[in-house]
Protein backbone atom coordinates (compact mmCIF):
# COMPACT_ATOMS: atom_id res chain seq x y z
CA MET A 1 86.94 116.86 97.29
CA GLU A 2 90.12 118.01 99.06
CA ALA A 3 91.43 116.88 102.09
CA LYS A 4 91.50 118.65 105.37
CA LYS A 5 93.90 118.86 108.11
CA VAL A 6 92.79 118.06 111.70
CA GLY A 7 94.24 117.86 115.04
CA ALA A 8 96.30 115.03 116.61
CA LYS A 9 93.81 114.08 119.01
CA GLN A 10 91.25 113.05 116.40
CA GLY A 11 93.20 109.80 115.54
CA LEU A 12 91.51 108.57 119.10
CA GLN A 13 88.17 110.09 118.17
CA TRP A 14 87.79 108.17 115.08
CA ILE A 15 88.00 105.18 117.04
CA ILE A 16 85.52 106.61 119.69
CA ASN A 17 82.88 107.26 116.80
CA GLY A 18 83.76 104.25 114.92
CA PHE A 19 82.59 102.04 118.05
CA TYR A 20 79.43 104.26 118.29
CA LEU A 21 78.43 103.25 114.62
CA PHE A 22 79.76 99.72 115.91
CA ARG A 23 76.88 100.21 118.81
CA LYS A 24 74.30 101.04 116.91
CA SER A 25 74.22 97.91 115.21
CA PRO A 26 76.54 95.31 116.80
CA VAL A 27 75.38 91.90 116.27
CA THR A 28 74.68 92.71 112.43
CA TRP A 29 78.50 93.95 112.47
CA ILE A 30 79.52 91.01 114.06
CA LEU A 31 77.78 88.94 111.43
CA LEU A 32 79.26 90.98 108.61
CA CYS A 33 82.83 90.65 109.71
CA ALA A 34 81.96 86.86 110.26
CA ILE A 35 80.92 86.76 106.44
CA LEU A 36 84.16 88.37 105.48
CA MET A 37 86.40 86.35 107.45
CA SER A 38 85.02 82.98 106.11
CA ILE A 39 85.23 84.38 102.73
CA ALA A 40 88.77 85.20 103.06
CA VAL A 41 89.53 81.67 104.19
CA ILE A 42 87.50 80.11 101.92
CA LEU A 43 89.60 81.92 99.11
CA SER A 44 93.21 81.59 101.25
CA SER A 45 92.29 77.52 100.39
CA ILE A 46 92.72 78.28 96.66
CA GLN A 47 96.48 78.74 97.36
CA ALA A 48 97.66 81.69 95.44
CA ALA A 49 95.04 82.30 93.07
CA GLY A 50 92.69 82.68 96.16
CA GLN A 51 94.66 85.60 98.04
CA ILE A 52 95.11 87.35 94.54
CA ILE A 53 91.21 87.15 94.02
CA PHE A 54 91.12 88.27 97.71
CA THR A 55 93.19 91.36 97.34
CA LEU A 56 91.62 92.42 94.19
CA LEU A 57 87.95 92.25 95.93
CA SER A 58 88.99 93.83 99.19
CA PRO A 59 88.23 97.21 98.34
CA VAL A 60 85.05 96.36 96.64
CA PHE A 61 84.32 94.65 100.38
CA LEU A 62 85.51 97.55 101.92
CA ALA A 63 83.52 100.00 99.96
CA GLY A 64 80.06 97.89 100.93
CA LEU A 65 80.93 98.15 104.70
CA MET A 66 81.40 101.85 104.06
CA SER A 67 78.26 102.19 102.58
CA GLY A 68 76.84 100.11 106.03
CA CYS A 69 78.47 103.19 108.21
CA ASN A 70 76.84 105.73 105.73
CA ALA A 71 73.72 103.77 106.61
CA LEU A 72 73.64 103.99 110.20
CA GLU A 73 74.90 107.60 110.46
CA GLN A 74 71.80 108.44 108.50
CA ASP A 75 69.77 106.29 111.15
CA LYS A 76 69.19 103.91 108.66
CA LYS A 77 69.14 99.72 108.94
CA LEU A 78 72.81 98.14 108.95
CA GLN A 79 72.03 94.96 106.67
CA ILE A 80 74.52 92.02 105.30
CA SER A 81 73.76 93.07 101.92
CA HIS A 82 75.80 96.34 102.26
CA LEU A 83 79.07 93.71 102.27
CA PHE A 84 78.12 93.67 98.83
CA ALA A 85 77.01 96.88 97.80
CA GLY A 86 80.51 97.67 96.09
CA PHE A 87 79.52 94.89 93.85
CA MET A 88 76.16 96.73 92.53
CA PHE A 89 77.73 100.62 92.37
CA SER A 90 81.55 100.63 91.49
CA PRO A 91 82.93 97.15 91.14
CA ILE A 92 84.88 98.01 88.20
CA PRO A 93 87.09 100.96 89.68
CA LEU A 94 87.31 99.28 93.36
CA VAL A 95 88.71 96.02 91.62
CA THR A 96 91.09 98.64 89.48
CA ALA A 97 92.20 100.08 92.62
CA GLY A 98 92.96 96.28 94.27
CA GLY A 99 94.72 95.75 91.21
CA ILE A 100 96.99 98.56 91.61
CA TYR A 101 97.42 97.71 95.15
CA LEU A 102 98.63 94.29 94.23
CA ILE A 103 100.61 95.39 91.77
CA GLY A 104 102.51 97.53 94.40
CA GLN A 105 102.77 94.93 96.67
CA LEU A 106 104.17 92.67 94.43
CA LEU A 107 107.33 95.20 93.40
CA ILE A 108 107.66 96.05 96.86
CA ILE A 109 108.23 92.05 97.47
CA GLY A 110 110.12 91.23 94.62
CA LEU A 111 112.41 94.60 95.25
CA ALA A 112 112.76 93.09 98.78
CA MET A 113 114.28 89.87 97.54
CA LEU A 114 116.19 91.70 95.29
CA VAL A 115 118.14 93.32 98.42
CA GLY A 116 117.87 90.41 100.96
CA GLY A 117 120.38 89.04 98.14
CA GLY A 118 120.99 84.95 96.79
CA ALA A 119 121.56 83.77 99.68
CA LEU A 120 118.28 84.71 101.59
CA MET A 121 116.16 83.78 98.65
CA ASP A 122 117.90 79.86 98.95
CA LEU A 123 116.91 79.90 102.26
CA LEU A 124 113.46 80.97 102.07
CA PHE A 125 112.50 78.83 98.57
CA ASN A 126 114.69 75.85 98.26
CA GLY A 127 115.41 75.47 102.03
CA THR A 128 119.17 75.46 101.39
CA ARG A 129 121.42 75.06 104.33
CA VAL A 130 124.23 77.93 104.85
CA SER A 131 127.22 78.16 106.75
CA GLU A 132 127.99 80.58 109.73
CA ASN A 133 129.07 83.56 108.08
CA GLU A 134 126.34 83.02 105.57
CA LEU A 135 123.88 82.95 108.13
CA ARG A 136 125.08 86.53 109.67
CA THR A 137 125.01 87.98 105.70
CA VAL A 138 121.52 86.36 105.62
CA SER A 139 120.60 88.05 108.87
CA GLY A 140 121.91 91.34 107.69
CA ASP A 141 119.94 90.68 104.16
CA MET A 142 116.94 90.28 106.11
CA LEU A 143 117.27 93.25 108.06
CA SER A 144 117.81 95.36 104.81
CA ALA A 145 114.76 93.50 103.22
CA SER A 146 112.03 94.19 106.05
CA LEU A 147 113.29 97.91 106.12
CA VAL A 148 112.36 98.25 102.31
CA LEU A 149 109.23 96.36 102.94
CA LEU A 150 108.11 98.73 105.58
CA THR A 151 109.32 101.86 104.24
CA LEU A 152 107.53 101.19 100.75
CA SER A 153 104.62 99.52 102.23
CA ILE A 154 103.44 102.35 104.22
CA PRO A 155 102.92 104.74 101.33
CA LEU A 156 100.97 102.03 99.61
CA MET A 157 98.43 101.67 102.50
CA MET A 158 98.29 105.37 102.94
CA ALA A 159 97.02 105.54 99.25
CA THR A 160 94.61 102.76 99.37
CA TRP A 161 93.07 104.17 103.03
CA PHE A 162 90.79 106.00 101.76
CA ALA A 163 90.65 105.20 98.24
CA PRO A 164 87.28 102.73 98.17
CA PRO A 165 85.22 105.50 100.08
CA LEU A 166 86.31 108.16 97.68
CA ILE A 167 85.26 105.75 94.77
CA ILE A 168 82.17 105.03 95.87
CA PHE A 169 80.51 107.80 97.52
CA ASN A 170 82.69 111.00 95.24
CA ASN A 171 82.65 109.14 92.30
CA ILE A 172 86.54 109.39 91.76
CA ALA A 173 88.63 107.26 89.32
CA PRO A 174 90.96 104.58 91.14
CA TYR A 175 93.99 106.13 90.56
CA ALA A 176 93.06 109.94 91.46
CA ALA A 177 91.56 108.40 94.60
CA MET A 178 94.40 106.63 95.54
CA ARG A 179 96.46 109.70 95.09
CA LYS A 180 93.75 111.75 97.20
CA SER A 181 94.37 109.22 99.93
CA PHE A 182 98.26 109.47 100.01
CA PHE A 183 98.36 113.12 99.91
CA ALA A 184 95.55 113.27 102.54
CA CYS A 185 97.42 110.71 105.34
CA LEU A 186 100.25 112.54 104.59
CA LEU A 187 98.65 115.92 105.70
CA ASN A 188 97.14 113.95 108.71
CA PHE A 189 100.28 112.21 109.42
CA LEU A 190 100.37 113.39 113.51
CA PRO A 191 96.55 112.12 114.09
CA LEU A 192 97.22 108.73 111.91
CA GLN A 193 100.00 107.91 114.27
CA ILE A 194 97.66 108.53 117.29
CA TYR A 195 94.99 106.45 115.46
CA ILE A 196 97.85 103.45 114.85
CA ILE A 197 99.31 103.45 117.96
CA SER A 198 95.68 103.51 120.03
CA PHE A 199 94.34 100.75 117.77
CA THR A 200 97.89 98.80 118.38
CA VAL A 201 97.23 98.95 122.40
CA LEU A 202 93.53 98.17 121.82
CA ILE A 203 94.47 95.05 119.66
CA ILE A 204 96.57 94.07 122.56
CA ILE A 205 93.89 94.31 125.21
CA ALA A 206 91.24 92.41 123.11
CA SER A 207 93.63 89.38 122.22
CA ALA A 208 94.09 88.90 125.88
CA ILE A 209 90.22 88.59 126.70
CA PRO A 210 89.26 85.20 126.10
CA TYR A 211 87.40 83.48 123.64
CA GLY A 212 88.19 86.19 121.19
CA LEU A 213 84.87 88.21 122.48
CA GLY A 214 87.48 90.96 122.32
CA LEU A 215 88.12 90.86 119.08
CA LEU A 216 84.56 90.58 118.34
CA ILE A 217 83.96 94.16 119.34
CA LEU A 218 87.71 95.42 117.94
CA ILE A 219 87.25 94.35 114.51
CA PRO A 220 84.01 96.11 113.21
CA THR A 221 85.48 98.95 115.19
CA LEU A 222 88.29 99.13 112.95
CA PHE A 223 86.10 99.30 109.79
CA SER A 224 83.96 101.65 111.08
CA SER A 225 86.71 103.95 112.30
CA ILE A 226 87.90 103.86 108.86
CA TYR A 227 84.82 105.85 107.68
CA ALA A 228 84.82 108.08 110.75
CA SER A 229 88.20 109.14 109.59
CA TYR A 230 87.16 109.42 105.74
CA ARG A 231 84.24 112.19 107.21
CA GLY A 232 86.67 113.78 109.72
CA ILE A 233 89.28 114.49 106.89
CA PHE A 234 87.33 115.02 103.92
CA PHE A 235 84.62 117.36 103.44
CA ASP A 236 80.81 115.61 104.07
CA ILE A 237 79.28 113.76 101.44
CA THR A 238 76.88 115.65 99.35
CA GLU A 239 73.52 114.24 99.26
CA ASP A 240 73.71 113.82 95.73
CA ASN A 241 76.85 111.51 96.42
CA LEU A 242 75.25 109.02 98.80
CA LEU A 243 74.34 105.55 98.01
CA GLU A 244 70.73 104.73 97.39
CA GLU A 245 69.45 102.48 100.13
């Protein structure tokens, strides 16, 4: 399965298609996202170990949501069990992808700290007071560290964007899926930029709506739009590769 290049306007179309999938089963989508957020909160209370566990399991949950999108696309019912579908079909490859992402994150953070210098690390970890001259140095180091984080995090995100659906739908090994995902994003960099900009505007608008009502719609639309972008960039899933319902 190879990626294809699509037009820039498709970045906005993915969001529209994602909203269409959300509209097919809005209540179930909201429940799915609420359960996922609850799992994230519970695991975050276990300090560093919880965050590591959630990072490892994130591709599994995302793959489950992708299977739910696939069900909706076939006019089948979206179910709560879809969130956990990845545990039943491809848990080891999906967790492996999460592990690769986690290692990449740790390496990037470590490199950023090295670029940041000793004064920055003393300030962050030990709360050490610094002089005015040292503060200027720390400010410059923080800028350099932020640039390193941003520059290296983008390719890592590109490598993980399509990896879960490629693994669960197309039975592709984790490393190969992440490689395909990276080059697919690179090939479609412009529509992805339109997608990111459009979603950023929508986040600002949704955040301004009282009681978080805007986010109740936007968060599920984010997940379903990932599926829409996968279907838009990669060739159609064959019937043999579809998850059994």
